[in-house]
Amino acid sequence: MKILIVAPFDSKGRYSGGISSIVNTLCDSGKLQEKNVKVLKFNTCQISRSNATEARLNFQNLKNTFLIFIKLPRTIIAEEPDTIYFHTSLGMALLKDCMIIRNVKKQFPNVKIVVHIHFADYVKIMPSKEVFRHFILLVLEKYTDKIVFLSEKTKEEFIKNGIDRDKATVIYNFSTMSFDEDCLRKSGTNVLKYLFVGTLSHRKGIFDILSALNYVHGDYEFHICGDFLKAETKAAYLKAISGIEEKIFYHGFVKGEEKKHIFSDCDILLLPSYAEGLPVAILEGYSAGCAIIASNVGAIPEIVKMQNGIIVKPGDINGLAFAIQEYLDAGRHSLSKQQYTNYIESFRYSIDAFADSVFDICYRE
């Protein structure tokens, strides 16, 4: 079986987001190849563009879309895949991809089309204009064979808006970060270590965390891993940490063994985002036996429950401060059961489980 994966494999100058990480890891892992699948790649970033062009109607994005319209059919003719697996996101990007999907299915009606939507909030996935929403739903219903969602809630919302239930399915993201049970034995100090991993932006909630820490009392450390996308964001960050600098440990962008070491050394992952799909950072936190404090957006409420974390409302500074203080007051000894639960839970979100699901969806007799 041949699967042509259509996705942003190489961002070509843009910020490499979660979709890129998921598809590259899946293809490089060899898990699909072990099932006698020939994996083909088509990069949807055909030209170099800046982050500033994202989700905007401009010459660069129009040129990129035009090149996909021209090159993708040629690739399909040359490679003759059994399944074309589109990885997409939200808003105008989803609209663009639906235009391409419609064109492909009309040209190649016998090829199976799978669409994987990497976001988990129906309202934010769909464009604001009714005509665009109608077009997307029409394409998904008429020109696709399977639609993959990140959460059950999102799947049900699309079904309510006209998508055939038989087409809809859910695949949760995966983490490739693995630990043994030694990761549950955090450092011997009594200082609780909180962790944030992600883009340092307002959307990810980093500034809400820094605001909440002004109301927290006790012995803690806050470790931050991620990049600033804008100079003004870094300036705002430096202002926000004023007064708590001695508790802040900024590591920048981390990966590999450095990232693994930081996760294994920290106790509680903080991710009070305003919008998410299914954050891999939470799954990585599970693997490291971290407790979780996260917001009730996207697929997060489906994987973070009372037994393994605390859910807060996005933007609720007082609620976030209370959650942080709750763990601080309880101390490390109270975390052990929760951390072990999360460590065991992480095996549900493995690349093996993800590859199995992708194969099952794409399989054609």
Protein backbone atom coordinates (compact mmCIF):
# COMPACT_ATOMS: atom_id res chain seq x y z
CA MET A 1 0.00 0.00 0.00
CA LYS A 2 1.19 3.51 -0.84
CA ILE A 3 0.22 6.49 1.32
CA LEU A 4 0.99 10.00 0.07
CA ILE A 5 1.17 12.27 3.12
CA VAL A 6 0.42 15.91 2.28
CA ALA A 7 1.68 18.16 5.07
CA PRO A 8 4.09 20.97 6.03
CA PHE A 9 7.16 18.74 6.36
CA ASP A 10 9.58 21.63 5.87
CA SER A 11 8.34 25.03 7.03
CA LYS A 12 10.92 26.90 4.90
CA GLY A 13 11.43 29.83 7.22
CA ARG A 14 8.18 29.72 9.15
CA TYR A 15 7.86 28.57 12.73
CA SER A 16 7.76 24.75 12.69
CA GLY A 17 4.58 23.88 14.54
CA GLY A 18 2.97 20.74 15.87
CA ILE A 19 1.81 19.34 12.52
CA SER A 20 5.35 19.36 11.16
CA SER A 21 6.63 17.57 14.24
CA ILE A 22 3.88 14.93 14.11
CA VAL A 23 4.25 14.05 10.41
CA ASN A 24 8.05 14.08 10.36
CA THR A 25 8.26 11.90 13.45
CA LEU A 26 5.68 9.46 12.06
CA CYS A 27 7.45 9.13 8.70
CA ASP A 28 10.95 8.91 10.20
CA SER A 29 9.93 6.35 12.82
CA GLY A 30 9.42 3.59 10.27
CA LYS A 31 6.26 2.42 12.06
CA LEU A 32 4.13 2.55 8.90
CA GLN A 33 6.91 1.04 6.81
CA GLU A 34 6.95 -1.94 9.20
CA LYS A 35 3.39 -2.60 8.05
CA ASN A 36 4.53 -2.87 4.43
CA VAL A 37 3.44 0.68 3.64
CA LYS A 38 5.37 2.82 1.20
CA VAL A 39 5.27 6.34 2.65
CA LEU A 40 5.45 9.21 0.17
CA LYS A 41 5.80 12.87 1.15
CA PHE A 42 4.41 16.05 -0.39
CA ASN A 43 5.46 19.28 1.33
CA THR A 44 2.71 21.92 1.41
CA CYS A 45 5.29 24.65 2.05
CA GLN A 46 6.47 25.07 -1.52
CA ILE A 47 8.18 28.43 -1.09
CA SER A 48 9.94 30.27 1.71
CA ARG A 49 7.57 32.51 3.66
CA SER A 50 7.66 34.39 6.93
CA ASN A 51 5.45 33.77 9.97
CA ALA A 52 3.82 37.12 9.25
CA THR A 53 2.12 35.66 6.15
CA GLU A 54 0.28 32.91 8.02
CA ALA A 55 -3.50 32.75 7.47
CA ARG A 56 -3.41 35.83 5.27
CA LEU A 57 -4.49 36.38 1.70
CA ASN A 58 -1.34 37.71 0.05
CA PHE A 59 0.90 37.06 -2.91
CA GLN A 60 3.19 34.58 -1.14
CA ASN A 61 0.33 32.40 0.08
CA LEU A 62 -1.46 32.57 -3.26
CA LYS A 63 1.74 31.55 -5.05
CA ASN A 64 2.24 28.67 -2.61
CA THR A 65 -1.33 27.46 -3.18
CA PHE A 66 -0.94 27.72 -6.96
CA LEU A 67 2.21 25.58 -6.84
CA ILE A 68 0.40 22.91 -4.80
CA PHE A 69 -2.44 22.87 -7.36
CA ILE A 70 0.11 22.27 -10.13
CA LYS A 71 2.56 19.90 -8.43
CA LEU A 72 0.33 17.65 -6.33
CA PRO A 73 -1.58 16.10 -9.27
CA ARG A 74 1.75 15.46 -11.01
CA THR A 75 3.01 13.68 -7.91
CA ILE A 76 -0.16 11.57 -7.75
CA ILE A 77 0.20 10.57 -11.42
CA ALA A 78 3.88 9.67 -10.95
CA GLU A 79 3.54 7.79 -7.65
CA GLU A 80 0.03 6.28 -7.94
CA PRO A 81 -0.78 6.26 -4.19
CA ASP A 82 -3.66 4.25 -2.79
CA THR A 83 -4.44 6.90 -0.15
CA ILE A 84 -3.76 10.61 0.08
CA TYR A 85 -3.54 11.72 3.70
CA PHE A 86 -3.96 15.50 4.14
CA HIS A 87 -2.81 17.14 7.37
CA THR A 88 -4.48 20.51 7.87
CA SER A 89 -5.36 22.97 10.62
CA LEU A 90 -7.92 25.76 10.75
CA GLY A 91 -9.34 28.91 9.23
CA MET A 92 -8.01 30.02 5.85
CA ALA A 93 -5.46 27.19 5.84
CA LEU A 94 -8.29 24.66 6.05
CA LEU A 95 -10.21 26.53 3.35
CA LYS A 96 -7.18 26.42 1.05
CA ASP A 97 -6.69 22.71 1.71
CA CYS A 98 -10.35 21.98 0.99
CA MET A 99 -10.02 23.70 -2.39
CA ILE A 100 -7.04 21.43 -3.14
CA ILE A 101 -8.84 18.32 -1.87
CA ARG A 102 -11.85 19.02 -4.07
CA ASN A 103 -9.61 19.42 -7.10
CA VAL A 104 -7.68 16.21 -6.33
CA LYS A 105 -10.78 14.07 -5.75
CA LYS A 106 -12.34 15.26 -8.99
CA GLN A 107 -9.19 14.34 -10.91
CA PHE A 108 -8.57 11.06 -9.06
CA PRO A 109 -11.96 9.73 -7.88
CA ASN A 110 -10.63 6.26 -7.07
CA VAL A 111 -7.94 7.44 -4.66
CA LYS A 112 -8.91 7.38 -0.99
CA ILE A 113 -8.79 10.82 0.65
CA VAL A 114 -8.16 11.16 4.40
CA VAL A 115 -8.17 14.56 6.12
CA HIS A 116 -6.59 15.03 9.55
CA ILE A 117 -7.62 18.31 11.24
CA HIS A 118 -5.02 19.35 13.81
CA PHE A 119 -7.14 21.58 16.01
CA ALA A 120 -9.93 20.83 18.45
CA ASP A 121 -12.33 23.77 18.62
CA TYR A 122 -15.07 23.82 15.96
CA VAL A 123 -15.68 27.58 16.19
CA LYS A 124 -12.00 28.39 15.74
CA ILE A 125 -11.43 25.73 13.10
CA MET A 126 -14.09 27.17 10.84
CA PRO A 127 -13.73 30.58 9.13
CA SER A 128 -16.02 33.37 10.28
CA LYS A 129 -17.78 33.80 6.93
CA GLU A 130 -20.76 31.51 6.39
CA VAL A 131 -19.98 30.92 2.71
CA PHE A 132 -16.54 29.55 3.60
CA ARG A 133 -17.92 27.34 6.37
CA HIS A 134 -20.51 25.95 3.98
CA PHE A 135 -17.83 25.19 1.38
CA ILE A 136 -15.59 23.40 3.89
CA LEU A 137 -18.43 21.22 5.17
CA LEU A 138 -19.45 20.43 1.59
CA VAL A 139 -15.93 19.35 0.63
CA LEU A 140 -15.43 17.28 3.78
CA GLU A 141 -18.73 15.50 3.24
CA LYS A 142 -18.58 15.00 -0.53
CA TYR A 143 -14.89 14.69 -1.43
CA THR A 144 -13.29 12.83 1.48
CA ASP A 145 -13.43 9.22 2.63
CA LYS A 146 -12.31 9.69 6.24
CA ILE A 147 -11.93 12.71 8.53
CA VAL A 148 -9.68 12.50 11.57
CA PHE A 149 -10.28 14.78 14.56
CA LEU A 150 -8.21 15.41 17.68
CA SER A 151 -11.09 15.05 20.12
CA GLU A 152 -14.48 13.40 20.51
CA LYS A 153 -16.07 16.76 21.20
CA THR A 154 -14.83 18.20 17.92
CA LYS A 155 -15.95 15.11 16.03
CA GLU A 156 -19.46 15.42 17.47
CA GLU A 157 -19.61 19.14 16.60
CA PHE A 158 -18.78 18.40 12.96
CA ILE A 159 -21.32 15.58 12.86
CA LYS A 160 -23.95 17.96 14.26
CA ASN A 161 -23.13 20.32 11.38
CA GLY A 162 -23.64 17.70 8.69
CA ILE A 163 -20.61 15.40 8.52
CA ASP A 164 -21.45 11.69 8.14
CA ARG A 165 -20.70 9.86 11.39
CA ASP A 166 -19.24 6.90 9.47
CA LYS A 167 -16.56 9.19 8.04
CA ALA A 168 -15.51 10.69 11.36
CA THR A 169 -12.95 9.25 13.74
CA VAL A 170 -10.55 10.41 16.46
CA ILE A 171 -6.80 9.88 16.73
CA TYR A 172 -5.05 11.43 19.71
CA ASN A 173 -1.54 12.81 19.27
CA PHE A 174 1.53 11.01 20.55
CA SER A 175 4.72 11.64 22.45
CA THR A 176 8.03 10.04 21.52
CA MET A 177 9.65 11.06 24.79
CA SER A 178 10.05 7.94 26.91
CA PHE A 179 11.17 7.43 30.49
CA ASP A 180 11.38 4.53 32.87
CA GLU A 181 9.87 4.62 36.34
CA ASP A 182 12.97 6.37 37.67
CA CYS A 183 11.48 9.57 36.22
CA LEU A 184 8.92 9.45 39.03
CA ARG A 185 11.69 9.88 41.57
CA LYS A 186 12.13 13.60 41.17
CA SER A 187 15.04 15.54 42.69
CA GLY A 188 15.61 15.15 46.44
CA THR A 189 14.97 18.82 47.18
CA ASN A 190 11.63 19.93 48.63
CA VAL A 191 11.39 22.75 46.09
CA LEU A 192 8.52 22.07 43.68
CA LYS A 193 9.47 22.66 40.08
CA TYR A 194 6.88 23.95 37.64
CA LEU A 195 7.44 23.76 33.88
CA PHE A 196 6.15 25.52 30.77
CA VAL A 197 7.01 24.22 27.29
CA GLY A 198 5.81 25.99 24.17
CA THR A 199 5.90 29.17 22.15
CA LEU A 200 6.23 32.17 24.45
CA SER A 201 3.08 33.98 23.41
CA HIS A 202 -0.13 35.29 24.94
CA ARG A 203 -2.09 32.43 23.31
CA LYS A 204 -0.11 29.82 25.21
CA GLY A 205 -0.82 31.50 28.55
CA ILE A 206 2.76 32.19 29.62
CA PHE A 207 1.89 35.72 30.73
CA ASP A 208 -1.07 34.44 32.73
CA ILE A 209 1.31 32.10 34.56
CA LEU A 210 3.70 34.94 35.36
CA SER A 211 0.80 37.07 36.61
CA ALA A 212 -0.51 34.21 38.76
CA LEU A 213 2.90 33.61 40.33
CA ASN A 214 2.69 37.05 41.94
CA TYR A 215 -0.07 35.63 44.15
CA VAL A 216 1.75 32.38 44.99
CA HIS A 217 3.72 31.94 48.21
CA GLY A 218 6.21 29.19 48.92
CA ASP A 219 9.41 27.57 47.76
CA TYR A 220 9.22 26.81 44.04
CA GLU A 221 11.04 27.12 40.73
CA PHE A 222 9.48 27.91 37.37
CA HIS A 223 11.30 26.52 34.34
CA ILE A 224 10.44 27.93 30.91
CA CYS A 225 11.28 26.29 27.59
CA GLY A 226 10.43 27.95 24.29
CA ASP A 227 11.14 30.70 21.78
CA PHE A 228 9.96 34.29 21.52
CA LEU A 229 8.39 34.87 18.11
CA LYS A 230 8.44 38.66 18.44
CA ALA A 231 10.81 41.15 20.05
CA GLU A 232 7.91 42.90 21.78
CA THR A 233 6.87 39.60 23.38
CA LYS A 234 10.32 39.24 24.90
CA ALA A 235 10.15 42.79 26.23
CA ALA A 236 6.77 42.05 27.81
CA TYR A 237 8.20 38.87 29.34
CA LEU A 238 11.14 40.69 30.93
CA LYS A 239 8.71 43.16 32.46
CA ALA A 240 6.39 40.38 33.68
CA ILE A 241 9.10 38.52 35.62
CA SER A 242 10.08 41.62 37.58
CA GLY A 243 10.05 40.75 41.27
CA ILE A 244 10.20 36.97 40.79
CA GLU A 245 13.40 36.71 38.72
CA GLU A 246 15.14 34.50 41.27
CA LYS A 247 12.46 31.81 40.80
CA ILE A 248 12.52 31.87 36.98
CA PHE A 249 14.79 29.59 34.93
CA TYR A 250 14.63 30.31 31.19
CA HIS A 251 16.13 27.56 29.00
CA GLY A 252 15.17 28.80 25.53
CA PHE A 253 14.23 26.29 22.86
CA VAL A 254 15.21 22.80 23.97
CA LYS A 255 15.21 19.38 22.37
CA GLY A 256 16.71 15.93 22.72
CA GLU A 257 18.44 14.99 25.93
CA GLU A 258 18.31 18.53 27.33
CA LYS A 259 14.53 18.60 26.99
CA LYS A 260 14.22 15.12 28.46
CA HIS A 261 16.36 16.08 31.45
CA ILE A 262 14.25 19.17 32.19
CA PHE A 263 11.01 17.18 32.02
CA SER A 264 12.37 14.47 34.29
CA ASP A 265 13.50 17.06 36.83
CA CYS A 266 10.21 18.99 37.01
CA ASP A 267 7.04 18.08 38.90
CA ILE A 268 4.15 19.99 37.36
CA LEU A 269 3.53 21.08 33.76
CA LEU A 270 1.66 24.36 33.26
CA LEU A 271 -0.21 25.02 29.99
CA PRO A 272 -3.12 27.46 30.48
CA SER A 273 -3.59 28.09 26.75
CA TYR A 274 -6.38 30.10 25.16
CA ALA A 275 -6.60 27.74 22.18
CA GLU A 276 -5.17 24.28 21.51
CA GLY A 277 -5.61 21.07 19.62
CA LEU A 278 -4.08 18.29 21.64
CA PRO A 279 -0.76 19.60 23.02
CA VAL A 280 2.13 17.16 22.74
CA ALA A 281 3.69 18.92 25.73
CA ILE A 282 0.99 17.42 27.98
CA LEU A 283 1.68 13.94 26.62
CA GLU A 284 5.39 14.50 27.23
CA GLY A 285 4.54 15.59 30.74
CA TYR A 286 2.63 12.36 31.24
CA SER A 287 5.66 10.37 30.07
CA ALA A 288 7.82 12.13 32.65
CA GLY A 289 5.29 11.58 35.43
CA CYS A 290 4.38 15.26 35.77
CA ALA A 291 1.11 16.49 37.19
CA ILE A 292 -0.75 18.83 34.83
CA ILE A 293 -2.35 22.26 35.20
CA ALA A 294 -3.99 23.20 31.91
CA SER A 295 -6.96 25.07 30.49
CA ASN A 296 -10.24 23.57 29.32
CA VAL A 297 -9.71 24.15 25.60
CA GLY A 298 -9.37 21.81 22.64
CA ALA A 299 -8.93 18.14 23.51
CA ILE A 300 -7.31 18.87 26.88
CA PRO A 301 -10.41 18.08 29.01
CA GLU A 302 -10.57 14.64 27.39
CA ILE A 303 -7.08 13.67 28.55
CA VAL A 304 -6.64 15.67 31.77
CA LYS A 305 -8.98 14.52 34.51
CA MET A 306 -9.24 15.10 38.26
CA GLN A 307 -7.01 12.10 38.99
CA ASN A 308 -4.10 13.43 36.94
CA GLY A 309 -4.28 17.20 37.01
CA ILE A 310 -6.23 20.42 37.43
CA ILE A 311 -8.26 22.15 34.72
CA VAL A 312 -8.62 25.94 34.75
CA LYS A 313 -10.44 28.44 32.56
CA PRO A 314 -8.22 30.34 30.10
CA GLY A 315 -7.53 33.84 31.39
CA ASP A 316 -8.58 33.01 34.96
CA ILE A 317 -5.52 34.34 36.81
CA ASN A 318 -6.99 33.69 40.26
CA GLY A 319 -7.98 30.13 39.38
CA LEU A 320 -4.52 29.48 37.96
CA ALA A 321 -2.82 30.90 41.05
CA PHE A 322 -5.06 28.75 43.27
CA ALA A 323 -4.13 25.60 41.31
CA ILE A 324 -0.40 26.39 41.52
CA GLN A 325 -0.70 27.12 45.24
CA GLU A 326 -2.69 23.92 45.82
CA TYR A 327 0.20 21.75 44.70
CA LEU A 328 2.67 23.92 46.55
CA ASP A 329 0.76 23.61 49.82
CA ALA A 330 0.30 19.86 49.44
CA GLY A 331 4.00 19.25 48.77
CA ARG A 332 5.80 16.67 46.70
CA HIS A 333 4.65 13.65 48.72
CA SER A 334 1.05 14.22 47.61
CA LEU A 335 2.03 14.06 43.94
CA SER A 336 3.36 10.50 43.80
CA LYS A 337 0.08 8.74 42.97
CA GLN A 338 -0.89 11.35 40.40
CA GLN A 339 2.53 11.22 38.75
CA TYR A 340 2.42 7.45 38.51
CA THR A 341 -1.08 7.60 36.99
CA ASN A 342 0.19 10.00 34.33
CA TYR A 343 3.25 7.87 33.62
CA ILE A 344 1.02 4.83 32.98
CA GLU A 345 -1.43 6.96 30.96
CA SER A 346 1.36 8.01 28.59
CA PHE A 347 1.47 4.54 27.02
CA ARG A 348 -1.94 5.25 25.45
CA TYR A 349 -0.38 8.12 23.52
CA SER A 350 2.51 6.33 21.83
CA ILE A 351 3.65 6.55 18.23
CA ASP A 352 2.84 2.84 17.88
CA ALA A 353 -0.81 3.48 18.76
CA PHE A 354 -0.89 6.48 16.40
CA ALA A 355 0.64 4.53 13.48
CA ASP A 356 -1.78 1.63 14.05
CA SER A 357 -4.73 4.02 13.83
CA VAL A 358 -3.41 5.71 10.69
CA PHE A 359 -2.85 2.33 9.03
CA ASP A 360 -6.35 1.11 9.93
CA ILE A 361 -7.90 4.24 8.42
CA CYS A 362 -5.84 4.11 5.23
CA TYR A 363 -6.00 0.38 4.62
CA ARG A 364 -7.67 -0.52 1.32
CA GLU A 365 -8.55 -4.08 0.39
